[in-house]
Amino acid sequence: MKYNIFLIVAVFSILFSCTNAKDEDFSLELEQYRQMGVPDPNKVWDFDDIRAAHNLLSAIKWDKPYNLPRKESKKSGILFDRMVTLENMTFLQNDTLKLHEKGYMSLEFLQLVENWKDLYTNPVWEKQYYQRELVDININEVRVTQIMVDLTAKIMVSDDPIDIMMQEGVPKIKLNYVSSLINALHTQSNTSEFLKKDIERMTDSLSSSIMRNREWLDSASANKIRKSIDSILDSTSLDYVKARYLEIAEIL
């Protein structure tokens, strides 16, 4: 009997600590990440830097899952910001690169961006601990695919032979955008799990993105996006979110 009581108390203690963990910052000091080998977040990262950071932080994920860099953290916020900034796509400003080269590099960059989502998602958690960070990661992924869509517009009017060969892949690039957008919308279906300011910021970003691309969306893509929006409308009680997505639903 005493053992059962002890077990019950222990279980509730664990549950309580996990629940309140979201309100605390357990990320490491910036210098601790640097000592592990994580690249300096004060400089722009190249592909090798991003891969190195991901590999090193992945080791933390399973050993000390609450120690990843946090958004707006006094300790690690600058590191998280570096992980999800478009500033790392410096190759886009390189005039010596051809359009198709930038296209291939953008695809590689997108794969690196998707790795951050895996890093901050834990399949054993019923509710994800890093909700704030996942908002930024999802927004960043949509922005990267938007850049890729913008590149395809230039590729479609290019007379470079290799660019012309790449034109066949334009529909796939647009599907990547739609897929990332729908995935981001899906995370909003449980708006109660997010801070109000985060869910509204995500709503603004995704709504603006849909408005920007609505002219080229085919009916199948528009229907998928509308279904995702309907799911959000059915679940949210936030007037601002409802108003923005109702506007989008009427246009699609």
Protein backbone atom coordinates (compact mmCIF):
# COMPACT_ATOMS: atom_id res chain seq x y z
CA MET A 1 0.00 0.00 0.00
CA LYS A 2 2.82 2.38 0.94
CA TYR A 3 4.51 1.53 -2.36
CA ASN A 4 1.35 2.37 -4.31
CA ILE A 5 1.02 5.73 -2.56
CA PHE A 6 4.68 6.49 -3.27
CA LEU A 7 4.21 5.55 -6.93
CA ILE A 8 1.16 7.79 -7.29
CA VAL A 9 2.99 10.72 -5.71
CA ALA A 10 5.99 10.17 -8.00
CA VAL A 11 3.84 10.06 -11.14
CA PHE A 12 2.02 13.25 -10.23
CA SER A 13 5.32 14.94 -9.45
CA ILE A 14 6.64 14.08 -12.90
CA LEU A 15 3.45 15.24 -14.60
CA PHE A 16 3.47 18.47 -12.62
CA SER A 17 7.09 19.19 -13.44
CA CYS A 18 6.52 18.54 -17.16
CA THR A 19 3.46 20.79 -17.21
CA ASN A 20 5.30 23.66 -15.59
CA ALA A 21 8.45 23.10 -17.64
CA LYS A 22 6.88 25.09 -20.47
CA ASP A 23 6.89 28.19 -18.24
CA GLU A 24 10.62 27.99 -17.56
CA ASP A 25 13.73 28.39 -19.67
CA PHE A 26 15.92 25.32 -19.41
CA SER A 27 18.06 26.17 -22.43
CA LEU A 28 21.80 26.47 -21.95
CA GLU A 29 23.92 29.59 -21.85
CA LEU A 30 25.26 30.62 -25.24
CA GLU A 31 28.83 29.87 -24.18
CA GLN A 32 27.83 26.30 -23.29
CA TYR A 33 26.53 25.74 -26.84
CA ARG A 34 29.74 27.24 -28.22
CA GLN A 35 31.84 24.89 -26.10
CA MET A 36 29.91 22.00 -27.65
CA GLY A 37 30.99 23.23 -31.07
CA VAL A 38 27.80 25.02 -32.17
CA PRO A 39 28.79 27.79 -34.63
CA ASP A 40 28.77 31.42 -33.52
CA PRO A 41 25.22 32.79 -33.98
CA ASN A 42 26.59 36.32 -34.41
CA LYS A 43 27.80 35.43 -37.91
CA VAL A 44 25.85 34.30 -40.95
CA TRP A 45 25.82 30.50 -41.21
CA ASP A 46 26.69 28.59 -44.35
CA PHE A 47 25.40 25.08 -45.07
CA ASP A 48 28.22 23.44 -43.11
CA ASP A 49 27.45 25.60 -40.08
CA ILE A 50 23.77 24.67 -40.20
CA ARG A 51 24.56 20.96 -40.48
CA ALA A 52 27.05 21.17 -37.61
CA ALA A 53 24.55 22.98 -35.39
CA HIS A 54 21.83 20.46 -36.15
CA ASN A 55 24.07 17.45 -35.47
CA LEU A 56 25.29 18.86 -32.16
CA LEU A 57 21.85 19.94 -30.97
CA SER A 58 20.40 16.56 -31.97
CA ALA A 59 22.61 14.99 -29.33
CA ILE A 60 20.88 17.18 -26.74
CA LYS A 61 17.38 16.31 -27.90
CA TRP A 62 17.26 12.81 -26.42
CA ASP A 63 19.72 13.24 -23.56
CA LYS A 64 18.39 16.57 -22.22
CA PRO A 65 15.24 17.34 -24.22
CA TYR A 66 14.45 20.65 -22.48
CA ASN A 67 17.89 22.15 -23.19
CA LEU A 68 17.43 23.20 -26.81
CA PRO A 69 17.70 26.92 -27.69
CA ARG A 70 14.48 28.85 -26.99
CA LYS A 71 12.77 31.72 -28.75
CA GLU A 72 13.26 35.10 -26.99
CA SER A 73 15.42 33.46 -24.31
CA LYS A 74 17.93 35.74 -22.61
CA LYS A 75 20.33 32.80 -22.66
CA SER A 76 19.83 31.23 -26.08
CA GLY A 77 17.41 33.41 -28.06
CA ILE A 78 20.13 34.75 -30.34
CA LEU A 79 21.07 31.19 -31.27
CA PHE A 80 17.50 30.19 -32.07
CA ASP A 81 17.06 33.33 -34.19
CA ARG A 82 20.15 32.39 -36.20
CA MET A 83 18.75 28.92 -36.79
CA VAL A 84 15.56 30.21 -38.44
CA THR A 85 16.66 33.38 -40.23
CA LEU A 86 16.51 33.77 -44.00
CA GLU A 87 19.73 35.76 -43.72
CA ASN A 88 21.55 32.43 -43.98
CA MET A 89 20.46 32.21 -47.63
CA THR A 90 23.37 34.42 -48.69
CA PHE A 91 23.75 32.52 -51.95
CA LEU A 92 20.69 34.34 -53.27
CA GLN A 93 22.72 37.57 -53.40
CA ASN A 94 25.63 35.91 -55.20
CA ASP A 95 25.51 37.31 -58.74
CA THR A 96 28.07 34.77 -59.97
CA LEU A 97 25.56 31.94 -59.45
CA LYS A 98 23.11 31.06 -62.21
CA LEU A 99 19.39 30.69 -61.54
CA HIS A 100 19.48 26.90 -61.64
CA GLU A 101 22.39 26.87 -59.18
CA LYS A 102 20.40 29.02 -56.78
CA GLY A 103 17.44 26.71 -57.32
CA TYR A 104 19.40 23.60 -56.36
CA MET A 105 20.92 25.36 -53.36
CA SER A 106 17.47 26.52 -52.24
CA LEU A 107 16.24 22.94 -52.35
CA GLU A 108 19.18 21.85 -50.21
CA PHE A 109 18.52 24.73 -47.81
CA LEU A 110 14.87 23.68 -47.50
CA GLN A 111 15.95 20.19 -46.44
CA LEU A 112 18.11 21.76 -43.71
CA VAL A 113 15.16 23.89 -42.58
CA GLU A 114 12.96 20.81 -42.34
CA ASN A 115 15.55 19.26 -40.02
CA TRP A 116 14.79 21.94 -37.42
CA LYS A 117 11.19 20.75 -37.27
CA ASP A 118 12.31 17.20 -36.52
CA LEU A 119 14.72 18.50 -33.89
CA TYR A 120 12.05 20.44 -32.00
CA THR A 121 9.34 17.76 -32.26
CA ASN A 122 9.33 14.89 -29.78
CA PRO A 123 7.11 11.92 -30.71
CA VAL A 124 6.81 10.76 -27.10
CA TRP A 125 5.23 14.02 -25.92
CA GLU A 126 1.44 14.20 -26.12
CA LYS A 127 1.71 18.00 -26.30
CA GLN A 128 4.81 19.49 -27.81
CA TYR A 129 7.00 21.43 -25.39
CA TYR A 130 8.53 23.72 -28.02
CA GLN A 131 5.31 25.23 -29.37
CA ARG A 132 6.71 28.76 -29.68
CA GLU A 133 9.77 27.56 -31.54
CA LEU A 134 7.69 25.38 -33.88
CA VAL A 135 5.64 28.43 -34.87
CA ASP A 136 8.79 30.17 -36.12
CA ILE A 137 10.12 27.00 -37.74
CA ASN A 138 6.88 26.51 -39.68
CA ILE A 139 6.75 30.14 -40.76
CA ASN A 140 10.38 29.94 -41.89
CA GLU A 141 9.72 26.81 -43.95
CA VAL A 142 6.85 28.51 -45.79
CA ARG A 143 9.06 31.53 -46.48
CA VAL A 144 11.82 29.35 -47.91
CA THR A 145 9.39 27.60 -50.24
CA GLN A 146 8.07 31.02 -51.24
CA ILE A 147 11.58 32.05 -52.24
CA MET A 148 11.78 28.90 -54.33
CA VAL A 149 8.49 29.75 -56.05
CA ASP A 150 9.82 33.24 -56.80
CA LEU A 151 12.95 31.71 -58.33
CA THR A 152 10.85 29.50 -60.60
CA ALA A 153 9.15 32.60 -62.01
CA LYS A 154 12.55 33.78 -63.21
CA ILE A 155 13.55 30.32 -64.41
CA MET A 156 10.40 30.11 -66.55
CA VAL A 157 11.48 33.14 -68.62
CA SER A 158 15.18 32.27 -68.75
CA ASP A 159 16.88 31.23 -72.00
CA ASP A 160 19.69 29.39 -70.22
CA PRO A 161 19.60 25.75 -71.46
CA ILE A 162 19.88 24.30 -67.95
CA ASP A 163 17.21 26.67 -66.66
CA ILE A 164 14.95 25.51 -69.47
CA MET A 165 15.53 21.89 -68.41
CA MET A 166 14.57 22.84 -64.85
CA GLN A 167 11.22 24.23 -65.99
CA GLU A 168 9.76 20.73 -65.87
CA GLY A 169 10.27 20.74 -62.10
CA VAL A 170 8.37 23.99 -61.49
CA PRO A 171 5.07 22.23 -60.61
CA LYS A 172 6.94 20.20 -57.95
CA ILE A 173 8.35 23.38 -56.42
CA LYS A 174 4.86 24.85 -56.20
CA LEU A 175 3.61 21.64 -54.59
CA ASN A 176 6.40 21.98 -52.02
CA TYR A 177 5.07 25.42 -51.16
CA VAL A 178 1.50 24.16 -50.84
CA SER A 179 2.62 21.23 -48.71
CA SER A 180 4.61 23.42 -46.31
CA LEU A 181 1.70 25.85 -46.09
CA ILE A 182 -0.81 23.11 -45.28
CA ASN A 183 1.54 21.62 -42.68
CA ALA A 184 1.85 25.03 -41.04
CA LEU A 185 -1.92 25.51 -41.10
CA HIS A 186 -2.36 22.08 -39.54
CA THR A 187 -0.33 23.10 -36.51
CA GLN A 188 -2.87 25.85 -35.88
CA SER A 189 -5.79 23.42 -35.54
CA ASN A 190 -5.23 23.38 -31.76
CA THR A 191 -4.92 27.10 -31.15
CA SER A 192 -5.42 26.72 -27.40
CA GLU A 193 -1.93 25.21 -27.14
CA PHE A 194 -0.25 28.41 -28.35
CA LEU A 195 0.30 31.85 -26.91
CA LYS A 196 -2.19 34.31 -28.37
CA LYS A 197 0.53 36.53 -29.83
CA ASP A 198 2.18 33.56 -31.53
CA ILE A 199 -0.97 32.19 -33.11
CA GLU A 200 -1.93 35.65 -34.36
CA ARG A 201 1.56 36.21 -35.77
CA MET A 202 1.38 32.88 -37.57
CA THR A 203 -2.08 33.73 -38.87
CA ASP A 204 -0.81 37.02 -40.29
CA SER A 205 2.16 35.36 -41.97
CA LEU A 206 0.23 32.47 -43.52
CA SER A 207 -2.71 34.63 -44.57
CA SER A 208 -0.40 37.08 -46.34
CA SER A 209 1.35 34.17 -48.04
CA ILE A 210 -1.92 32.72 -49.34
CA MET A 211 -3.03 36.10 -50.65
CA ARG A 212 0.28 36.54 -52.44
CA ASN A 213 0.01 33.20 -54.26
CA ARG A 214 -3.72 32.75 -54.77
CA GLU A 215 -3.57 33.64 -58.48
CA TRP A 216 -1.52 30.60 -59.46
CA LEU A 217 -3.08 28.05 -57.06
CA ASP A 218 -4.94 25.30 -58.93
CA SER A 219 -8.34 24.13 -57.72
CA ALA A 220 -6.94 21.02 -55.98
CA SER A 221 -4.42 23.05 -53.99
CA ALA A 222 -6.99 25.72 -53.15
CA ASN A 223 -9.39 23.04 -51.86
CA LYS A 224 -6.72 21.50 -49.64
CA ILE A 225 -5.86 24.90 -48.19
CA ARG A 226 -9.54 25.68 -47.65
CA LYS A 227 -10.05 22.41 -45.77
CA SER A 228 -7.12 23.23 -43.50
CA ILE A 229 -8.57 26.67 -42.87
CA ASP A 230 -11.99 25.15 -42.10
CA SER A 231 -10.33 22.93 -39.50
CA ILE A 232 -8.86 26.01 -37.82
CA LEU A 233 -12.17 27.87 -37.93
CA ASP A 234 -13.92 24.90 -36.30
CA SER A 235 -11.44 24.76 -33.44
CA THR A 236 -10.47 28.33 -32.61
CA SER A 237 -12.25 30.79 -30.35
CA LEU A 238 -9.97 33.68 -31.29
CA ASP A 239 -11.89 36.38 -33.16
CA TYR A 240 -8.80 37.73 -34.90
CA VAL A 241 -7.87 34.32 -36.28
CA LYS A 242 -11.44 33.67 -37.41
CA ALA A 243 -11.71 37.01 -39.18
CA ARG A 244 -8.45 36.61 -41.10
CA TYR A 245 -9.15 33.06 -42.25
CA LEU A 246 -12.78 33.70 -43.11
CA GLU A 247 -11.53 36.40 -45.45
CA ILE A 248 -9.11 33.96 -47.07
CA ALA A 249 -11.73 31.19 -47.34
CA GLU A 250 -14.04 33.48 -49.27
CA ILE A 251 -11.33 34.33 -51.78
CA LEU A 252 -10.11 30.78 -52.45
